[in-house]
PDB file of N, CA and C in Angstrom:
ATOM      1  N   MET A   1     -17.214  23.134-105.866  1.00  0.00           N
ATOM      2  CA  MET A   1     -17.698  24.504-104.503  1.00  0.00           C
ATOM      3  C   MET A   1     -16.179  25.163-105.270  1.00  0.00           C
ATOM      4  N   GLU A   2     -16.419  26.390-104.499  1.00  0.00           N
ATOM      5  CA  GLU A   2     -15.739  27.328-105.092  1.00  0.00           C
ATOM      6  C   GLU A   2     -14.588  27.858-103.416  1.00  0.00           C
ATOM      7  N   MET A   3     -13.642  28.662-103.268  1.00  0.00           N
ATOM      8  CA  MET A   3     -12.902  29.271-102.215  1.00  0.00           C
ATOM      9  C   MET A   3     -11.823  29.712-102.930  1.00  0.00           C
ATOM     10  N   SER A   4     -11.113  31.043-102.696  1.00  0.00           N
ATOM     11  CA  SER A   4      -9.954  31.545-103.316  1.00  0.00           C
ATOM     12  C   SER A   4      -9.058  30.316-102.139  1.00  0.00           C
ATOM     13  N   ALA A   5      -7.378  30.689-103.292  1.00  0.00           N
ATOM     14  CA  ALA A   5      -6.845  29.819-102.840  1.00  0.00           C
ATOM     15  C   ALA A   5      -5.954  30.566-101.522  1.00  0.00           C
ATOM     16  N   GLU A   6      -6.382  31.782-101.260  1.00  0.00           N
ATOM     17  CA  GLU A   6      -5.925  32.347 -99.916  1.00  0.00           C
ATOM     18  C   GLU A   6      -6.992  31.106 -98.840  1.00  0.00           C
ATOM     19  N   ASP A   7      -7.943  31.420 -99.371  1.00  0.00           N
ATOM     20  CA  ASP A   7      -8.936  31.247 -97.821  1.00  0.00           C
ATOM     21  C   ASP A   7      -9.265  29.150 -98.037  1.00  0.00           C
ATOM     22  N   PHE A   8      -8.486  28.465 -98.981  1.00  0.00           N
ATOM     23  CA  PHE A   8      -8.194  27.442 -98.549  1.00  0.00           C
ATOM     24  C   PHE A   8      -6.976  27.809 -97.971  1.00  0.00           C
ATOM     25  N   GLU A   9      -5.872  28.029 -98.793  1.00  0.00           N
ATOM     26  CA  GLU A   9      -4.740  27.630 -97.841  1.00  0.00           C
ATOM     27  C   GLU A   9      -4.657  27.358 -96.214  1.00  0.00           C
ATOM     28  N   GLN A  10      -5.760  29.084 -95.435  1.00  0.00           N
ATOM     29  CA  GLN A  10      -6.333  29.185 -94.305  1.00  0.00           C
ATOM     30  C   GLN A  10      -6.626  28.110 -93.911  1.00  0.00           C
ATOM     31  N   LEU A  11      -7.186  27.444 -94.547  1.00  0.00           N
ATOM     32  CA  LEU A  11      -8.619  26.415 -94.211  1.00  0.00           C
ATOM     33  C   LEU A  11      -7.900  24.829 -93.655  1.00  0.00           C
ATOM     34  N   VAL A  12      -6.301  25.051 -94.528  1.00  0.00           N
ATOM     35  CA  VAL A  12      -5.400  23.213 -94.426  1.00  0.00           C
ATOM     36  C   VAL A  12      -4.887  23.748 -92.955  1.00  0.00           C
ATOM     37  N   THR A  13      -4.567  25.162 -93.059  1.00  0.00           N
ATOM     38  CA  THR A  13      -3.591  24.684 -91.649  1.00  0.00           C
ATOM     39  C   THR A  13      -4.314  25.169 -90.327  1.00  0.00           C
ATOM     40  N   ASP A  14      -5.491  25.515 -90.923  1.00  0.00           N
ATOM     41  CA  ASP A  14      -6.345  25.499 -89.342  1.00  0.00           C
ATOM     42  C   ASP A  14      -6.884  24.301 -88.940  1.00  0.00           C
ATOM     43  N   GLN A  15      -6.993  22.538 -90.034  1.00  0.00           N
ATOM     44  CA  GLN A  15      -6.546  21.792 -90.024  1.00  0.00           C
ATOM     45  C   GLN A  15      -5.502  21.072 -89.597  1.00  0.00           C
ATOM     46  N   LEU A  16      -3.911  21.654 -89.475  1.00  0.00           N
ATOM     47  CA  LEU A  16      -3.031  21.071 -89.130  1.00  0.00           C
ATOM     48  C   LEU A  16      -3.360  21.851 -87.581  1.00  0.00           C
ATOM     49  N   ASP A  17      -3.308  22.213 -87.961  1.00  0.00           N
ATOM     50  CA  ASP A  17      -3.731  22.869 -85.879  1.00  0.00           C
ATOM     51  C   ASP A  17      -4.587  21.909 -85.482  1.00  0.00           C
ATOM     52  N   LEU A  18      -5.122  21.130 -86.086  1.00  0.00           N
ATOM     53  CA  LEU A  18      -6.727  20.564 -84.969  1.00  0.00           C
ATOM     54  C   LEU A  18      -5.668  19.395 -85.090  1.00  0.00           C
ATOM     55  N   LEU A  19      -5.064  18.842 -85.842  1.00  0.00           N
ATOM     56  CA  LEU A  19      -4.483  17.142 -85.471  1.00  0.00           C
ATOM     57  C   LEU A  19      -3.774  17.386 -84.629  1.00  0.00           C
ATOM     58  N   PRO A  20      -2.986  16.534 -83.923  1.00  0.00           N
ATOM     59  CA  PRO A  20      -3.534  15.443 -82.151  1.00  0.00           C
ATOM     60  C   PRO A  20      -1.573  16.191 -82.013  1.00  0.00           C
ATOM     61  N   ASP A  21      -1.228  16.233 -81.082  1.00  0.00           N
ATOM     62  CA  ASP A  21       0.459  17.130 -80.600  1.00  0.00           C
ATOM     63  C   ASP A  21       1.165  15.684 -81.180  1.00  0.00           C
ATOM     64  N   ASP A  22       0.667  14.517 -81.122  1.00  0.00           N
ATOM     65  CA  ASP A  22       1.804  13.143 -81.101  1.00  0.00           C
ATOM     66  C   ASP A  22       1.738  13.306 -82.268  1.00  0.00           C
ATOM     67  N   MET A  23       0.734  14.262 -82.878  1.00  0.00           N
ATOM     68  CA  MET A  23       0.460  12.798 -84.653  1.00  0.00           C
ATOM     69  C   MET A  23       1.949  14.240 -85.268  1.00  0.00           C
ATOM     70  N   VAL A  24       2.309  15.086 -84.887  1.00  0.00           N
ATOM     71  CA  VAL A  24       2.724  16.556 -85.798  1.00  0.00           C
ATOM     72  C   VAL A  24       4.267  16.750 -85.409  1.00  0.00           C
ATOM     73  N   ASP A  25       4.287  16.193 -83.730  1.00  0.00           N
ATOM     74  CA  ASP A  25       5.895  16.720 -82.991  1.00  0.00           C
ATOM     75  C   ASP A  25       6.566  16.262 -84.072  1.00  0.00           C
ATOM     76  N   GLY A  26       6.951  15.612 -84.018  1.00  0.00           N
ATOM     77  CA  GLY A  26       7.673  13.913 -84.556  1.00  0.00           C
ATOM     78  C   GLY A  26       7.913  14.763 -86.424  1.00  0.00           C
ATOM     79  N   LEU A  27       6.868  15.333 -86.450  1.00  0.00           N
ATOM     80  CA  LEU A  27       7.342  16.172 -88.618  1.00  0.00           C
ATOM     81  C   LEU A  27       8.890  16.984 -88.076  1.00  0.00           C
ATOM     82  N   ASP A  28      10.287  16.130 -88.629  1.00  0.00           N
ATOM     83  CA  ASP A  28      11.404  17.298 -88.461  1.00  0.00           C
ATOM     84  C   ASP A  28      11.540  16.951 -89.916  1.00  0.00           C
ATOM     85  N   ASN A  29      12.077  18.426 -90.398  1.00  0.00           N
ATOM     86  CA  ASN A  29      12.176  18.523 -91.161  1.00  0.00           C
ATOM     87  C   ASN A  29      11.171  18.634 -92.668  1.00  0.00           C
ATOM     88  N   VAL A  30      10.518  18.659 -92.413  1.00  0.00           N
ATOM     89  CA  VAL A  30       9.016  19.274 -93.283  1.00  0.00           C
ATOM     90  C   VAL A  30       7.867  20.094 -92.732  1.00  0.00           C
ATOM     91  N   VAL A  31       7.982  20.344 -94.522  1.00  0.00           N
ATOM     92  CA  VAL A  31       6.988  22.003 -94.886  1.00  0.00           C
ATOM     93  C   VAL A  31       4.870  21.299 -95.325  1.00  0.00           C
ATOM     94  N   PHE A  32       4.503  22.724 -95.413  1.00  0.00           N
ATOM     95  CA  PHE A  32       3.613  21.230 -95.313  1.00  0.00           C
ATOM     96  C   PHE A  32       3.353  23.287 -97.646  1.00  0.00           C
ATOM     97  N   VAL A  33       2.465  21.758 -97.713  1.00  0.00           N
ATOM     98  CA  VAL A  33       2.533  23.076 -99.175  1.00  0.00           C
ATOM     99  C   VAL A  33       1.317  23.064 -99.831  1.00  0.00           C
ATOM    100  N   VAL A  34       0.454  24.284 -99.930  1.00  0.00           N
ATOM    101  CA  VAL A  34      -0.344  23.696-101.039  1.00  0.00           C
ATOM    102  C   VAL A  34      -0.480  24.336-102.574  1.00  0.00           C
ATOM    103  N   GLU A  35      -1.154  23.888-103.691  1.00  0.00           N
ATOM    104  CA  GLU A  35      -0.693  23.755-104.412  1.00  0.00           C
ATOM    105  C   GLU A  35      -1.969  23.369-105.396  1.00  0.00           C
ATOM    106  N   GLU A  36      -1.725  24.240-106.506  1.00  0.00           N
ATOM    107  CA  GLU A  36      -4.169  24.422-107.358  1.00  0.00           C
ATOM    108  C   GLU A  36      -4.343  23.160-108.211  1.00  0.00           C
ATOM    109  N   GLU A  37      -3.082  21.781-108.091  1.00  0.00           N
ATOM    110  CA  GLU A  37      -3.533  19.919-108.892  1.00  0.00           C
ATOM    111  C   GLU A  37      -1.777  20.526-109.705  1.00  0.00           C
ATOM    112  N   PRO A  38      -1.855  18.689-109.037  1.00  0.00           N
ATOM    113  CA  PRO A  38      -0.483  17.973-109.663  1.00  0.00           C
ATOM    114  C   PRO A  38       0.129  18.277-111.263  1.00  0.00           C
ATOM    115  N   GLU A  39       1.335  17.996-110.858  1.00  0.00           N
ATOM    116  CA  GLU A  39       2.219  18.876-112.483  1.00  0.00           C
ATOM    117  C   GLU A  39       1.189  17.362-113.659  1.00  0.00           C
ATOM    118  N   ASP A  40       1.262  16.263-113.104  1.00  0.00           N
ATOM    119  CA  ASP A  40       0.881  14.645-114.376  1.00  0.00           C
ATOM    120  C   ASP A  40      -0.216  14.955-114.539  1.00  0.00           C
ATOM    121  N   GLY A  41      -1.332  15.842-113.731  1.00  0.00           N
ATOM    122  CA  GLY A  41      -2.604  15.530-113.733  1.00  0.00           C
ATOM    123  C   GLY A  41      -3.021  15.004-113.381  1.00  0.00           C
ATOM    124  N   SER A  42      -2.413  14.373-112.101  1.00  0.00           N
ATOM    125  CA  SER A  42      -3.346  12.868-112.465  1.00  0.00           C
ATOM    126  C   SER A  42      -5.033  14.043-110.894  1.00  0.00           C
ATOM    127  N   ASP A  43      -5.848  12.969-110.325  1.00  0.00           N
ATOM    128  CA  ASP A  43      -6.889  13.518-109.717  1.00  0.00           C
ATOM    129  C   ASP A  43      -5.977  13.245-107.656  1.00  0.00           C
ATOM    130  N   LEU A  44      -4.644  13.844-107.701  1.00  0.00           N
ATOM    131  CA  LEU A  44      -4.831  12.910-106.511  1.00  0.00           C
ATOM    132  C   LEU A  44      -5.664  14.057-105.683  1.00  0.00           C
ATOM    133  N   PHE A  45      -5.298  14.044-103.732  1.00  0.00           N
ATOM    134  CA  PHE A  45      -5.308  14.983-103.381  1.00  0.00           C
ATOM    135  C   PHE A  45      -4.671  16.250-102.729  1.00  0.00           C
ATOM    136  N   GLY A  46      -3.146  14.498-102.999  1.00  0.00           N
ATOM    137  CA  GLY A  46      -1.745  14.693-101.647  1.00  0.00           C
ATOM    138  C   GLY A  46      -1.326  14.374-102.571  1.00  0.00           C
ATOM    139  N   VAL A  47       0.026  14.727-101.862  1.00  0.00           N
ATOM    140  CA  VAL A  47       1.017  13.923-101.924  1.00  0.00           C
ATOM    141  C   VAL A  47       2.576  14.185-100.406  1.00  0.00           C
ATOM    142  N   TYR A  48       3.094  13.041-100.134  1.00  0.00           N
ATOM    143  CA  TYR A  48       4.001  12.831-100.133  1.00  0.00           C
ATOM    144  C   TYR A  48       5.710  13.068-100.357  1.00  0.00           C
ATOM    145  N   ASP A  49       6.107  14.557-100.597  1.00  0.00           N
ATOM    146  CA  ASP A  49       7.390  14.115-100.857  1.00  0.00           C
ATOM    147  C   ASP A  49       8.437  13.489-100.404  1.00  0.00           C
ATOM    148  N   GLY A  50       9.141  12.762 -99.848  1.00  0.00           N
ATOM    149  CA  GLY A  50      10.953  12.677 -99.580  1.00  0.00           C
ATOM    150  C   GLY A  50      10.904  11.887 -98.658  1.00  0.00           C
ATOM    151  N   VAL A  51      11.699  11.707 -98.058  1.00  0.00           N
ATOM    152  CA  VAL A  51      12.520  10.672 -97.900  1.00  0.00           C
ATOM    153  C   VAL A  51      11.536   9.509 -96.488  1.00  0.00           C
ATOM    154  N   ALA A  52      10.469   8.659 -96.495  1.00  0.00           N
ATOM    155  CA  ALA A  52       9.702   8.084 -95.033  1.00  0.00           C
ATOM    156  C   ALA A  52      10.791   8.158 -93.475  1.00  0.00           C
ATOM    157  N   GLN A  53      10.473   8.369 -92.444  1.00  0.00           N
ATOM    158  CA  GLN A  53      11.033   8.273 -91.802  1.00  0.00           C
ATOM    159  C   GLN A  53      11.469   6.876 -91.064  1.00  0.00           C
ATOM    160  N   THR A  54      11.323   5.602 -90.861  1.00  0.00           N
ATOM    161  CA  THR A  54      11.150   4.531 -91.802  1.00  0.00           C
ATOM    162  C   THR A  54      12.461   3.765 -92.801  1.00  0.00           C
ATOM    163  N   GLU A  55      12.715   4.918 -93.021  1.00  0.00           N
ATOM    164  CA  GLU A  55      13.435   5.141 -94.557  1.00  0.00           C
ATOM    165  C   GLU A  55      14.965   5.825 -94.233  1.00  0.00           C
ATOM    166  N   ARG A  56      14.887   6.575 -93.862  1.00  0.00           N
ATOM    167  CA  ARG A  56      16.308   7.387 -93.373  1.00  0.00           C
ATOM    168  C   ARG A  56      17.302   6.854 -92.842  1.00  0.00           C
ATOM    169  N   GLY A  57      18.840   7.174 -93.233  1.00  0.00           N
ATOM    170  CA  GLY A  57      20.365   6.734 -92.688  1.00  0.00           C
ATOM    171  C   GLY A  57      20.558   8.048 -92.438  1.00  0.00           C
ATOM    172  N   GLN A  58      22.376   8.257 -93.487  1.00  0.00           N
ATOM    173  CA  GLN A  58      22.109   9.490 -92.768  1.00  0.00           C
ATOM    174  C   GLN A  58      21.342  11.060 -92.792  1.00  0.00           C
ATOM    175  N   TYR A  59      20.206  11.003 -92.608  1.00  0.00           N
ATOM    176  CA  TYR A  59      18.857  11.573 -92.503  1.00  0.00           C
ATOM    177  C   TYR A  59      19.458  13.479 -92.158  1.00  0.00           C
ATOM    178  N   GLY A  60      19.932  14.521 -92.243  1.00  0.00           N
ATOM    179  CA  GLY A  60      19.319  15.152 -90.999  1.00  0.00           C
ATOM    180  C   GLY A  60      20.062  16.802 -92.132  1.00  0.00           C
ATOM    181  N   PHE A  61      21.403  17.204 -91.323  1.00  0.00           N
ATOM    182  CA  PHE A  61      21.760  18.206 -91.978  1.00  0.00           C
ATOM    183  C   PHE A  61      22.162  19.327 -92.820  1.00  0.00           C
ATOM    184  N   GLY A  62      21.627  19.776 -93.265  1.00  0.00           N
ATOM    185  CA  GLY A  62      21.619  19.907 -94.792  1.00  0.00           C
ATOM    186  C   GLY A  62      20.869  19.961 -96.178  1.00  0.00           C
ATOM    187  N   GLU A  63      19.935  18.945 -95.437  1.00  0.00           N
ATOM    188  CA  GLU A  63      19.537  18.498 -95.686  1.00  0.00           C
ATOM    189  C   GLU A  63      17.684  18.940 -96.362  1.00  0.00           C
ATOM    190  N   LEU A  64      17.477  19.005 -97.712  1.00  0.00           N
ATOM    191  CA  LEU A  64      16.347  19.814 -97.828  1.00  0.00           C
ATOM    192  C   LEU A  64      14.951  19.522 -97.941  1.00  0.00           C
ATOM    193  N   PRO A  65      14.121  20.301 -96.973  1.00  0.00           N
ATOM    194  CA  PRO A  65      12.310  19.457 -96.597  1.00  0.00           C
ATOM    195  C   PRO A  65      11.972  19.387 -97.005  1.00  0.00           C
ATOM    196  N   ASP A  66      11.652  17.232 -96.509  1.00  0.00           N
ATOM    197  CA  ASP A  66      10.854  17.367 -97.214  1.00  0.00           C
ATOM    198  C   ASP A  66       9.515  17.662 -96.699  1.00  0.00           C
ATOM    199  N   ARG A  67       8.660  17.716 -98.220  1.00  0.00           N
ATOM    200  CA  ARG A  67       6.919  18.422 -97.990  1.00  0.00           C
ATOM    201  C   ARG A  67       6.181  17.838 -98.280  1.00  0.00           C
ATOM    202  N   ILE A  68       5.021  17.772 -97.769  1.00  0.00           N
ATOM    203  CA  ILE A  68       3.914  17.242 -97.652  1.00  0.00           C
ATOM    204  C   ILE A  68       2.467  17.911 -98.844  1.00  0.00           C
ATOM    205  N   VAL A  69       1.973  18.270 -99.439  1.00  0.00           N
ATOM    206  CA  VAL A  69       1.550  18.976-100.763  1.00  0.00           C
ATOM    207  C   VAL A  69       0.094  17.778-100.772  1.00  0.00           C
ATOM    208  N   VAL A  70      -1.182  19.670-100.321  1.00  0.00           N
ATOM    209  CA  VAL A  70      -2.576  19.422-100.714  1.00  0.00           C
ATOM    210  C   VAL A  70      -2.410  20.133-101.755  1.00  0.00           C
ATOM    211  N   PHE A  71      -3.232  19.316-103.223  1.00  0.00           N
ATOM    212  CA  PHE A  71      -4.093  19.846-104.099  1.00  0.00           C
ATOM    213  C   PHE A  71      -5.538  20.946-104.067  1.00  0.00           C
ATOM    214  N   ARG A  72      -5.133  21.931-104.054  1.00  0.00           N
ATOM    215  CA  ARG A  72      -6.824  22.661-103.931  1.00  0.00           C
ATOM    216  C   ARG A  72      -7.573  22.414-105.144  1.00  0.00           C
ATOM    217  N   LYS A  73      -7.357  21.731-106.338  1.00  0.00           N
ATOM    218  CA  LYS A  73      -8.041  21.515-107.832  1.00  0.00           C
ATOM    219  C   LYS A  73      -9.725  20.177-106.855  1.00  0.00           C
ATOM    220  N   GLN A  74      -8.033  19.206-106.721  1.00  0.00           N
ATOM    221  CA  GLN A  74      -9.644  17.651-106.399  1.00  0.00           C
ATOM    222  C   GLN A  74      -9.357  18.609-105.197  1.00  0.00           C
ATOM    223  N   HIS A  75     -10.331  18.407-104.459  1.00  0.00           N
ATOM    224  CA  HIS A  75     -10.597  18.706-103.524  1.00  0.00           C
ATOM    225  C   HIS A  75     -11.911  19.493-103.686  1.00  0.00           C
ATOM    226  N   LEU A  76     -11.642  21.582-104.781  1.00  0.00           N
ATOM    227  CA  LEU A  76     -13.219  21.896-104.673  1.00  0.00           C
ATOM    228  C   LEU A  76     -13.352  20.835-104.891  1.00  0.00           C
ATOM    229  N   LEU A  77     -13.324  19.764-105.939  1.00  0.00           N
ATOM    230  CA  LEU A  77     -14.029  19.599-106.805  1.00  0.00           C
ATOM    231  C   LEU A  77     -15.240  18.224-106.414  1.00  0.00           C
ATOM    232  N   GLU A  78     -14.226  17.424-105.422  1.00  0.00           N
ATOM    233  CA  GLU A  78     -14.402  16.567-104.887  1.00  0.00           C
ATOM    234  C   GLU A  78     -15.933  16.840-103.240  1.00  0.00           C
ATOM    235  N   CYS A  79     -16.190  18.042-102.849  1.00  0.00           N
ATOM    236  CA  CYS A  79     -16.250  18.742-102.370  1.00  0.00           C
ATOM    237  C   CYS A  79     -17.536  19.354-101.887  1.00  0.00           C
ATOM    238  N   ASP A  80     -18.697  19.252-102.060  1.00  0.00           N
ATOM    239  CA  ASP A  80     -20.275  20.051-102.061  1.00  0.00           C
ATOM    240  C   ASP A  80     -20.373  20.937-100.568  1.00  0.00           C
ATOM    241  N   THR A  81     -19.546  20.537 -99.612  1.00  0.00           N
ATOM    242  CA  THR A  81     -19.286  21.740 -98.176  1.00  0.00           C
ATOM    243  C   THR A  81     -18.321  21.817 -97.992  1.00  0.00           C
ATOM    244  N   LEU A  82     -19.006  22.768 -96.989  1.00  0.00           N
ATOM    245  CA  LEU A  82     -17.172  23.179 -96.629  1.00  0.00           C
ATOM    246  C   LEU A  82     -17.184  22.524 -95.114  1.00  0.00           C
ATOM    247  N   GLU A  83     -18.225  21.003 -94.689  1.00  0.00           N
ATOM    248  CA  GLU A  83     -17.955  21.012 -93.555  1.00  0.00           C
ATOM    249  C   GLU A  83     -17.251  19.074 -94.763  1.00  0.00           C
ATOM    250  N   ASP A  84     -17.239  18.877 -95.946  1.00  0.00           N
ATOM    251  CA  ASP A  84     -17.034  17.683 -96.827  1.00  0.00           C
ATOM    252  C   ASP A  84     -15.630  18.160 -96.359  1.00  0.00           C
ATOM    253  N   LEU A  85     -15.281  20.042 -97.109  1.00  0.00           N
ATOM    254  CA  LEU A  85     -14.250  20.101 -97.948  1.00  0.00           C
ATOM    255  C   LEU A  85     -13.194  19.805 -96.718  1.00  0.00           C
ATOM    256  N   GLU A  86     -13.405  20.111 -94.810  1.00  0.00           N
ATOM    257  CA  GLU A  86     -12.120  19.972 -94.206  1.00  0.00           C
ATOM    258  C   GLU A  86     -12.367  19.178 -93.889  1.00  0.00           C
ATOM    259  N   ASP A  87     -13.364  17.855 -93.325  1.00  0.00           N
ATOM    260  CA  ASP A  87     -13.429  16.722 -93.642  1.00  0.00           C
ATOM    261  C   ASP A  87     -12.202  15.800 -94.650  1.00  0.00           C
ATOM    262  N   GLU A  88     -12.288  16.369 -95.536  1.00  0.00           N
ATOM    263  CA  GLU A  88     -11.077  16.025 -96.962  1.00  0.00           C
ATOM    264  C   GLU A  88     -10.838  16.385 -96.304  1.00  0.00           C
ATOM    265  N   VAL A  89      -9.333  17.749 -96.438  1.00  0.00           N
ATOM    266  CA  VAL A  89      -8.494  17.845 -95.828  1.00  0.00           C
ATOM    267  C   VAL A  89      -8.071  17.769 -94.969  1.00  0.00           C
ATOM    268  N   HIS A  90      -8.045  17.244 -93.299  1.00  0.00           N
ATOM    269  CA  HIS A  90      -8.191  17.054 -92.494  1.00  0.00           C
ATOM    270  C   HIS A  90      -7.918  15.036 -92.331  1.00  0.00           C
ATOM    271  N   THR A  91      -7.593  13.918 -93.517  1.00  0.00           N
ATOM    272  CA  THR A  91      -7.823  13.279 -93.909  1.00  0.00           C
ATOM    273  C   THR A  91      -6.544  12.881 -95.088  1.00  0.00           C
ATOM    274  N   THR A  92      -6.381  13.905 -95.759  1.00  0.00           N
ATOM    275  CA  THR A  92      -5.298  14.168 -96.820  1.00  0.00           C
ATOM    276  C   THR A  92      -4.006  14.174 -95.785  1.00  0.00           C
ATOM    277  N   LEU A  93      -4.703  15.973 -94.858  1.00  0.00           N
ATOM    278  CA  LEU A  93      -3.644  15.625 -94.240  1.00  0.00           C
ATOM    279  C   LEU A  93      -3.003  14.442 -93.612  1.00  0.00           C
ATOM    280  N   VAL A  94      -3.596  13.815 -92.646  1.00  0.00           N
ATOM    281  CA  VAL A  94      -3.650  12.186 -92.116  1.00  0.00           C
ATOM    282  C   VAL A  94      -3.030  11.853 -92.597  1.00  0.00           C
ATOM    283  N   HIS A  95      -2.985  11.248 -94.394  1.00  0.00           N
ATOM    284  CA  HIS A  95      -2.727  10.440 -95.135  1.00  0.00           C
ATOM    285  C   HIS A  95      -0.902  10.086 -95.248  1.00  0.00           C
ATOM    286  N   GLU A  96      -0.905  11.866 -95.598  1.00  0.00           N
ATOM    287  CA  GLU A  96       0.299  12.193 -96.097  1.00  0.00           C
ATOM    288  C   GLU A  96       1.145  12.167 -94.307  1.00  0.00           C
ATOM    289  N   ILE A  97       1.158  12.345 -93.484  1.00  0.00           N
ATOM    290  CA  ILE A  97       2.185  12.722 -92.550  1.00  0.00           C
ATOM    291  C   ILE A  97       1.876  10.480 -92.588  1.00  0.00           C
ATOM    292  N   GLY A  98       1.047   9.905 -92.643  1.00  0.00           N
ATOM    293  CA  GLY A  98       1.126   8.629 -92.516  1.00  0.00           C
ATOM    294  C   GLY A  98       2.387   7.773 -93.021  1.00  0.00           C
ATOM    295  N   HIS A  99       2.236   8.911 -94.961  1.00  0.00           N
ATOM    296  CA  HIS A  99       3.664   8.780 -95.032  1.00  0.00           C
ATOM    297  C   HIS A  99       4.510   9.122 -94.727  1.00  0.00           C
ATOM    298  N   PHE A 100       4.644   9.652 -94.742  1.00  0.00           N
ATOM    299  CA  PHE A 100       6.356  10.478 -93.851  1.00  0.00           C
ATOM    300  C   PHE A 100       6.749   8.988 -92.535  1.00  0.00           C
ATOM    301  N   TYR A 101       5.683   8.972 -90.907  1.00  0.00           N
ATOM    302  CA  TYR A 101       5.911   7.976 -90.468  1.00  0.00           C
ATOM    303  C   TYR A 101       6.726   7.004 -91.059  1.00  0.00           C
ATOM    304  N   GLY A 102       6.520   6.411 -92.511  1.00  0.00           N
ATOM    305  CA  GLY A 102       6.345   4.766 -92.901  1.00  0.00           C
ATOM    306  C   GLY A 102       4.866   4.660 -93.274  1.00  0.00           C
ATOM    307  N   ILE A 103       4.168   4.947 -93.023  1.00  0.00           N
ATOM    308  CA  ILE A 103       2.888   3.885 -93.042  1.00  0.00           C
ATOM    309  C   ILE A 103       2.278   3.876 -94.995  1.00  0.00           C
ATOM    310  N   ASP A 104       2.209   2.382 -95.149  1.00  0.00           N
ATOM    311  CA  ASP A 104       1.877   2.809 -96.932  1.00  0.00           C
ATOM    312  C   ASP A 104       1.163   2.437 -96.740  1.00  0.00           C
ATOM    313  N   ASP A 105      -0.194   2.694 -98.093  1.00  0.00           N
ATOM    314  CA  ASP A 105      -1.484   3.191 -98.653  1.00  0.00           C
ATOM    315  C   ASP A 105      -1.837   2.013 -97.730  1.00  0.00           C
ATOM    316  N   GLU A 106      -1.827   0.505 -98.406  1.00  0.00           N
ATOM    317  CA  GLU A 106      -2.560  -0.248 -97.692  1.00  0.00           C
ATOM    318  C   GLU A 106      -2.778  -0.003 -97.002  1.00  0.00           C
ATOM    319  N   ARG A 107      -1.772  -0.367 -94.998  1.00  0.00           N
ATOM    320  CA  ARG A 107      -2.265   0.053 -94.004  1.00  0.00           C
ATOM    321  C   ARG A 107      -3.564   1.142 -93.681  1.00  0.00           C
ATOM    322  N   LEU A 108      -3.097   2.896 -94.677  1.00  0.00           N
ATOM    323  CA  LEU A 108      -3.991   3.466 -94.340  1.00  0.00           C
ATOM    324  C   LEU A 108      -5.089   3.063 -94.768  1.00  0.00           C
ATOM    325  N   HIS A 109      -5.801   2.544 -95.733  1.00  0.00           N
ATOM    326  CA  HIS A 109      -6.700   2.745 -95.648  1.00  0.00           C
ATOM    327  C   HIS A 109      -7.204   1.928 -95.026  1.00  0.00           C
ATOM    328  N   GLU A 110      -6.501   0.562 -93.944  1.00  0.00           N
ATOM    329  CA  GLU A 110      -6.700  -1.169 -93.681  1.00  0.00           C
ATOM    330  C   GLU A 110      -7.004   0.710 -92.123  1.00  0.00           C
ATOM    331  N   LEU A 111      -6.962   1.663 -92.227  1.00  0.00           N
ATOM    332  CA  LEU A 111      -7.371   2.061 -90.663  1.00  0.00           C
ATOM    333  C   LEU A 111      -8.375   3.167 -91.018  1.00  0.00           C
ATOM    334  N   GLY A 112      -8.345   3.879 -92.845  1.00  0.00           N
ATOM    335  CA  GLY A 112      -9.608   4.750 -93.300  1.00  0.00           C
ATOM    336  C   GLY A 112      -9.227   5.828 -93.346  1.00  0.00           C
ATOM    337  N   TRP A 113      -7.688   5.783 -93.568  1.00  0.00           N
ATOM    338  CA  TRP A 113      -7.164   7.091 -93.662  1.00  0.00           C
ATOM    339  C   TRP A 113      -7.242   7.014 -95.381  1.00  0.00           C
ATOM    340  N   ALA A 114      -7.622   7.093 -96.012  1.00  0.00           N
ATOM    341  CA  ALA A 114      -7.562   6.762 -97.430  1.00  0.00           C
ATOM    342  C   ALA A 114      -8.550   6.327 -98.824  1.00  0.00           C
TER     343      ALA A 114
END
């Protein structure tokens, strides 16, 4: 599948807007970023770069924001239709937001978000 970087970013924004308020309202000091692919060449769809809410101690003022990164290339390689792409981006966002809340990969798999 092909899609411009700008259109992919808009799709990510649209999918983020569709998430339930109770999932995103608690996201404090988090930015969402779209990058082409991971620097290490892995085939990740996304990554949470930060300190999970369950592991924070003296976290707050002056801290750089946590980042949720969505990788464009892997999504486009794996998806054949716009509907597939929307579903995969949605799953990636939920998965990485889950990491923000301290949910590990095993539990995310159990819940169907990995």
